[in-house]
Amino acid sequence: MTQTRPAPPIAASQWFNTDEPVTLDALRGRVVVMEAFQMLCPGCVGHGLPQAGRVFETFSRDDVIVLGLHCVFEHQDAQTPVSLEAFLHEYRIGFPVGVDEAGGDGPLPRTMRNYAMQGTPTLILIDRKGHRRAQHFGLVPDLRLGAEIMALIREVSS
């Protein structure tokens, strides 16, 4: 974990599994684990989202918040919010999931571009102060992720 830049805001056009839009400012004081994914991404479905679900079930909501971010940069017609809603239900994803806003000037959605993501799955860790501390593209071993989350939980706020 080497990065300590403020995390860019999440630009979501719609949210699922929450009554109101989620902002990183509102989550200050807790560690945020954000899983950027696409429904049609095999690595996301096979690894990223199941791992995010395990984090969601393992850690206290007082310490760790898990968010999903649906970043569609290909097959836009097949990955609509209506399809996403069914996907979340079928895969029993219970944590909040935002739909990344279309970028307007290219295929990359806004938050994906602001975080300079290489693709999906991407896992981002944000500390209690709102700083981006890690960003992983692809598979992250569970033990490594658990250790990184625990290190952020244990940090003393100053």
C-alpha atoms as a PDB file:
ATOM      1  CA  MET A   1       0.000   0.000   0.000  1.00  0.00           C
ATOM      2  CA  THR A   2       1.924   2.988  -1.242  1.00  0.00           C
ATOM      3  CA  GLN A   3      -0.607   5.533  -2.494  1.00  0.00           C
ATOM      4  CA  THR A   4      -1.895   8.284  -0.207  1.00  0.00           C
ATOM      5  CA  ARG A   5      -3.748  10.584  -2.603  1.00  0.00           C
ATOM      6  CA  PRO A   6      -7.255  11.827  -1.881  1.00  0.00           C
ATOM      7  CA  ALA A   7      -9.724   9.527  -3.588  1.00  0.00           C
ATOM      8  CA  PRO A   8     -11.652  11.147  -6.440  1.00  0.00           C
ATOM      9  CA  PRO A   9     -15.414  11.303  -5.842  1.00  0.00           C
ATOM     10  CA  ILE A  10     -17.619   8.562  -7.224  1.00  0.00           C
ATOM     11  CA  ALA A  11     -19.625   9.799 -10.220  1.00  0.00           C
ATOM     12  CA  ALA A  12     -22.592   7.427 -10.242  1.00  0.00           C
ATOM     13  CA  SER A  13     -25.723   7.941 -12.302  1.00  0.00           C
ATOM     14  CA  GLN A  14     -27.713   5.433 -10.238  1.00  0.00           C
ATOM     15  CA  TRP A  15     -27.346   3.338  -7.064  1.00  0.00           C
ATOM     16  CA  PHE A  16     -28.646  -0.088  -6.105  1.00  0.00           C
ATOM     17  CA  ASN A  17     -28.928  -1.695  -2.636  1.00  0.00           C
ATOM     18  CA  THR A  18     -29.057   1.663  -0.863  1.00  0.00           C
ATOM     19  CA  ASP A  19     -31.792   4.185  -0.137  1.00  0.00           C
ATOM     20  CA  GLU A  20     -29.686   7.206  -1.048  1.00  0.00           C
ATOM     21  CA  PRO A  21     -26.645   7.990  -3.192  1.00  0.00           C
ATOM     22  CA  VAL A  22     -23.307   7.098  -1.622  1.00  0.00           C
ATOM     23  CA  THR A  23     -20.509   9.644  -1.298  1.00  0.00           C
ATOM     24  CA  LEU A  24     -16.987   9.067  -0.066  1.00  0.00           C
ATOM     25  CA  ASP A  25     -17.297  12.126   2.180  1.00  0.00           C
ATOM     26  CA  ALA A  26     -20.200  10.463   4.014  1.00  0.00           C
ATOM     27  CA  LEU A  27     -18.062   7.345   4.556  1.00  0.00           C
ATOM     28  CA  ARG A  28     -15.127   9.125   6.235  1.00  0.00           C
ATOM     29  CA  GLY A  29     -14.057   7.322   9.384  1.00  0.00           C
ATOM     30  CA  ARG A  30     -14.415   3.906   7.750  1.00  0.00           C
ATOM     31  CA  VAL A  31     -12.256   1.965   5.321  1.00  0.00           C
ATOM     32  CA  VAL A  32     -13.850   1.740   1.866  1.00  0.00           C
ATOM     33  CA  VAL A  33     -13.333  -1.306  -0.336  1.00  0.00           C
ATOM     34  CA  MET A  34     -14.546  -0.486  -3.848  1.00  0.00           C
ATOM     35  CA  GLU A  35     -14.847  -3.223  -6.475  1.00  0.00           C
ATOM     36  CA  ALA A  36     -15.084  -1.882 -10.032  1.00  0.00           C
ATOM     37  CA  PHE A  37     -16.636  -4.483 -12.330  1.00  0.00           C
ATOM     38  CA  GLN A  38     -18.640  -5.289 -15.433  1.00  0.00           C
ATOM     39  CA  MET A  39     -21.372  -7.948 -15.532  1.00  0.00           C
ATOM     40  CA  LEU A  40     -19.835  -9.532 -18.638  1.00  0.00           C
ATOM     41  CA  CYS A  41     -16.294  -9.675 -17.234  1.00  0.00           C
ATOM     42  CA  PRO A  42     -15.325 -13.269 -16.352  1.00  0.00           C
ATOM     43  CA  GLY A  43     -12.698 -12.128 -13.802  1.00  0.00           C
ATOM     44  CA  CYS A  44     -15.271  -9.906 -12.119  1.00  0.00           C
ATOM     45  CA  VAL A  45     -17.921 -12.607 -11.875  1.00  0.00           C
ATOM     46  CA  GLY A  46     -15.490 -15.388 -10.964  1.00  0.00           C
ATOM     47  CA  HIS A  47     -13.215 -13.554  -8.565  1.00  0.00           C
ATOM     48  CA  GLY A  48     -13.750  -9.823  -7.945  1.00  0.00           C
ATOM     49  CA  LEU A  49     -17.390  -9.792  -6.899  1.00  0.00           C
ATOM     50  CA  PRO A  50     -17.209 -12.993  -4.820  1.00  0.00           C
ATOM     51  CA  GLN A  51     -14.186 -11.544  -3.005  1.00  0.00           C
ATOM     52  CA  ALA A  52     -16.032  -8.263  -2.368  1.00  0.00           C
ATOM     53  CA  GLY A  53     -18.926 -10.328  -0.998  1.00  0.00           C
ATOM     54  CA  ARG A  54     -16.580 -12.139   1.387  1.00  0.00           C
ATOM     55  CA  VAL A  55     -15.208  -8.798   2.616  1.00  0.00           C
ATOM     56  CA  PHE A  56     -18.791  -7.535   3.045  1.00  0.00           C
ATOM     57  CA  GLU A  57     -19.691 -10.585   5.147  1.00  0.00           C
ATOM     58  CA  THR A  58     -16.440 -10.641   7.166  1.00  0.00           C
ATOM     59  CA  PHE A  59     -15.784  -7.118   8.386  1.00  0.00           C
ATOM     60  CA  SER A  60     -17.900  -4.939  10.656  1.00  0.00           C
ATOM     61  CA  ARG A  61     -19.811  -2.168   8.863  1.00  0.00           C
ATOM     62  CA  ASP A  62     -18.506   0.128  11.621  1.00  0.00           C
ATOM     63  CA  ASP A  63     -15.007  -0.367  10.204  1.00  0.00           C
ATOM     64  CA  VAL A  64     -15.350  -1.342   6.530  1.00  0.00           C
ATOM     65  CA  ILE A  65     -17.790  -0.371   3.794  1.00  0.00           C
ATOM     66  CA  VAL A  66     -17.889  -2.372   0.572  1.00  0.00           C
ATOM     67  CA  LEU A  67     -19.063  -0.667  -2.610  1.00  0.00           C
ATOM     68  CA  GLY A  68     -19.471  -1.956  -6.117  1.00  0.00           C
ATOM     69  CA  LEU A  69     -19.013   0.271  -9.153  1.00  0.00           C
ATOM     70  CA  HIS A  70     -20.383  -0.953 -12.471  1.00  0.00           C
ATOM     71  CA  CYS A  71     -17.944   0.499 -15.027  1.00  0.00           C
ATOM     72  CA  VAL A  72     -19.233  -0.254 -18.508  1.00  0.00           C
ATOM     73  CA  PHE A  73     -16.679   0.503 -21.208  1.00  0.00           C
ATOM     74  CA  GLU A  74     -17.750  -2.165 -23.711  1.00  0.00           C
ATOM     75  CA  HIS A  75     -21.009  -3.900 -24.688  1.00  0.00           C
ATOM     76  CA  GLN A  76     -22.998  -0.931 -23.352  1.00  0.00           C
ATOM     77  CA  ASP A  77     -26.253  -2.105 -24.917  1.00  0.00           C
ATOM     78  CA  ALA A  78     -26.089  -5.417 -23.031  1.00  0.00           C
ATOM     79  CA  GLN A  79     -25.046  -4.004 -19.643  1.00  0.00           C
ATOM     80  CA  THR A  80     -27.894  -1.630 -18.853  1.00  0.00           C
ATOM     81  CA  PRO A  81     -29.086  -0.681 -15.362  1.00  0.00           C
ATOM     82  CA  VAL A  82     -32.110  -2.968 -15.889  1.00  0.00           C
ATOM     83  CA  SER A  83     -29.767  -5.891 -16.620  1.00  0.00           C
ATOM     84  CA  LEU A  84     -27.572  -4.906 -13.674  1.00  0.00           C
ATOM     85  CA  GLU A  85     -30.532  -4.946 -11.295  1.00  0.00           C
ATOM     86  CA  ALA A  86     -31.363  -8.532 -12.324  1.00  0.00           C
ATOM     87  CA  PHE A  87     -27.676  -9.501 -12.115  1.00  0.00           C
ATOM     88  CA  LEU A  88     -27.363  -8.146  -8.553  1.00  0.00           C
ATOM     89  CA  HIS A  89     -30.480 -10.062  -7.523  1.00  0.00           C
ATOM     90  CA  GLU A  90     -29.406 -13.340  -9.138  1.00  0.00           C
ATOM     91  CA  TYR A  91     -25.878 -13.180  -7.708  1.00  0.00           C
ATOM     92  CA  ARG A  92     -27.211 -12.054  -4.299  1.00  0.00           C
ATOM     93  CA  ILE A  93     -24.992  -8.984  -4.119  1.00  0.00           C
ATOM     94  CA  GLY A  94     -26.136  -7.049  -1.064  1.00  0.00           C
ATOM     95  CA  PHE A  95     -23.659  -4.191  -0.823  1.00  0.00           C
ATOM     96  CA  PRO A  96     -24.315  -0.807  -2.491  1.00  0.00           C
ATOM     97  CA  VAL A  97     -23.523  -0.703  -6.217  1.00  0.00           C
ATOM     98  CA  GLY A  98     -23.264   2.460  -8.278  1.00  0.00           C
ATOM     99  CA  VAL A  99     -23.472   2.776 -12.056  1.00  0.00           C
ATOM    100  CA  ASP A 100     -20.461   4.766 -13.217  1.00  0.00           C
ATOM    101  CA  GLU A 101     -21.526   7.819 -15.262  1.00  0.00           C
ATOM    102  CA  ALA A 102     -20.866   7.731 -18.981  1.00  0.00           C
ATOM    103  CA  GLY A 103     -17.705   9.658 -19.827  1.00  0.00           C
ATOM    104  CA  GLY A 104     -19.156  11.532 -22.764  1.00  0.00           C
ATOM    105  CA  ASP A 105     -15.866  11.869 -24.612  1.00  0.00           C
ATOM    106  CA  GLY A 106     -14.927   8.227 -25.092  1.00  0.00           C
ATOM    107  CA  PRO A 107     -15.773   4.734 -23.948  1.00  0.00           C
ATOM    108  CA  LEU A 108     -14.453   5.035 -20.381  1.00  0.00           C
ATOM    109  CA  PRO A 109     -16.978   6.031 -17.737  1.00  0.00           C
ATOM    110  CA  ARG A 110     -16.192   9.033 -15.548  1.00  0.00           C
ATOM    111  CA  THR A 111     -15.051   7.422 -12.255  1.00  0.00           C
ATOM    112  CA  MET A 112     -13.079   4.768 -14.095  1.00  0.00           C
ATOM    113  CA  ARG A 113     -11.230   7.495 -15.978  1.00  0.00           C
ATOM    114  CA  ASN A 114     -10.710   9.640 -12.849  1.00  0.00           C
ATOM    115  CA  TYR A 115      -9.092   6.680 -11.069  1.00  0.00           C
ATOM    116  CA  ALA A 116      -7.021   5.785 -14.178  1.00  0.00           C
ATOM    117  CA  MET A 117      -8.257   2.203 -14.040  1.00  0.00           C
ATOM    118  CA  GLN A 118      -6.738  -0.214 -16.540  1.00  0.00           C
ATOM    119  CA  GLY A 119      -9.889  -2.326 -16.771  1.00  0.00           C
ATOM    120  CA  THR A 120     -12.011  -4.617 -14.634  1.00  0.00           C
ATOM    121  CA  PRO A 121     -11.895  -6.063 -12.084  1.00  0.00           C
ATOM    122  CA  THR A 122     -10.203  -3.263 -10.163  1.00  0.00           C
ATOM    123  CA  LEU A 123     -10.199  -3.152  -6.381  1.00  0.00           C
ATOM    124  CA  ILE A 124      -9.557   0.153  -4.605  1.00  0.00           C
ATOM    125  CA  LEU A 125      -8.870   0.696  -0.908  1.00  0.00           C
ATOM    126  CA  ILE A 126      -9.647   4.075   0.642  1.00  0.00           C
ATOM    127  CA  ASP A 127      -8.562   4.843   4.198  1.00  0.00           C
ATOM    128  CA  ARG A 128     -10.598   6.410   6.996  1.00  0.00           C
ATOM    129  CA  LYS A 129      -9.464   9.906   5.929  1.00  0.00           C
ATOM    130  CA  GLY A 130     -10.659   9.463   2.343  1.00  0.00           C
ATOM    131  CA  HIS A 131      -7.253   8.814   0.764  1.00  0.00           C
ATOM    132  CA  ARG A 132      -6.767   6.214  -1.927  1.00  0.00           C
ATOM    133  CA  ARG A 133      -4.223   3.815  -0.460  1.00  0.00           C
ATOM    134  CA  ALA A 134      -4.201   0.933  -2.924  1.00  0.00           C
ATOM    135  CA  GLN A 135      -5.510   0.099  -6.365  1.00  0.00           C
ATOM    136  CA  HIS A 136      -5.267  -3.428  -7.771  1.00  0.00           C
ATOM    137  CA  PHE A 137      -6.109  -4.481 -11.318  1.00  0.00           C
ATOM    138  CA  GLY A 138      -7.004  -8.147 -11.638  1.00  0.00           C
ATOM    139  CA  LEU A 139      -6.763 -10.894  -9.052  1.00  0.00           C
ATOM    140  CA  VAL A 140      -5.878  -9.953  -5.477  1.00  0.00           C
ATOM    141  CA  PRO A 141      -5.143 -12.877  -3.133  1.00  0.00           C
ATOM    142  CA  ASP A 142      -7.570 -12.969  -0.185  1.00  0.00           C
ATOM    143  CA  LEU A 143      -4.785 -13.051   2.418  1.00  0.00           C
ATOM    144  CA  ARG A 144      -3.101  -9.997   0.929  1.00  0.00           C
ATOM    145  CA  LEU A 145      -6.377  -8.083   0.761  1.00  0.00           C
ATOM    146  CA  GLY A 146      -7.303  -9.035   4.327  1.00  0.00           C
ATOM    147  CA  ALA A 147      -3.911  -7.866   5.569  1.00  0.00           C
ATOM    148  CA  GLU A 148      -4.221  -4.557   3.708  1.00  0.00           C
ATOM    149  CA  ILE A 149      -7.719  -3.950   5.086  1.00  0.00           C
ATOM    150  CA  MET A 150      -6.641  -4.792   8.645  1.00  0.00           C
ATOM    151  CA  ALA A 151      -3.655  -2.435   8.382  1.00  0.00           C
ATOM    152  CA  LEU A 152      -6.023   0.392   7.364  1.00  0.00           C
ATOM    153  CA  ILE A 153      -8.479  -0.475  10.151  1.00  0.00           C
ATOM    154  CA  ARG A 154      -5.703  -0.374  12.748  1.00  0.00           C
ATOM    155  CA  GLU A 155      -4.331   3.011  11.677  1.00  0.00           C
ATOM    156  CA  VAL A 156      -4.945   5.676  14.293  1.00  0.00           C
ATOM    157  CA  SER A 157      -6.811   8.711  13.057  1.00  0.00           C
ATOM    158  CA  SER A 158      -5.016  11.975  13.728  1.00  0.00           C
END
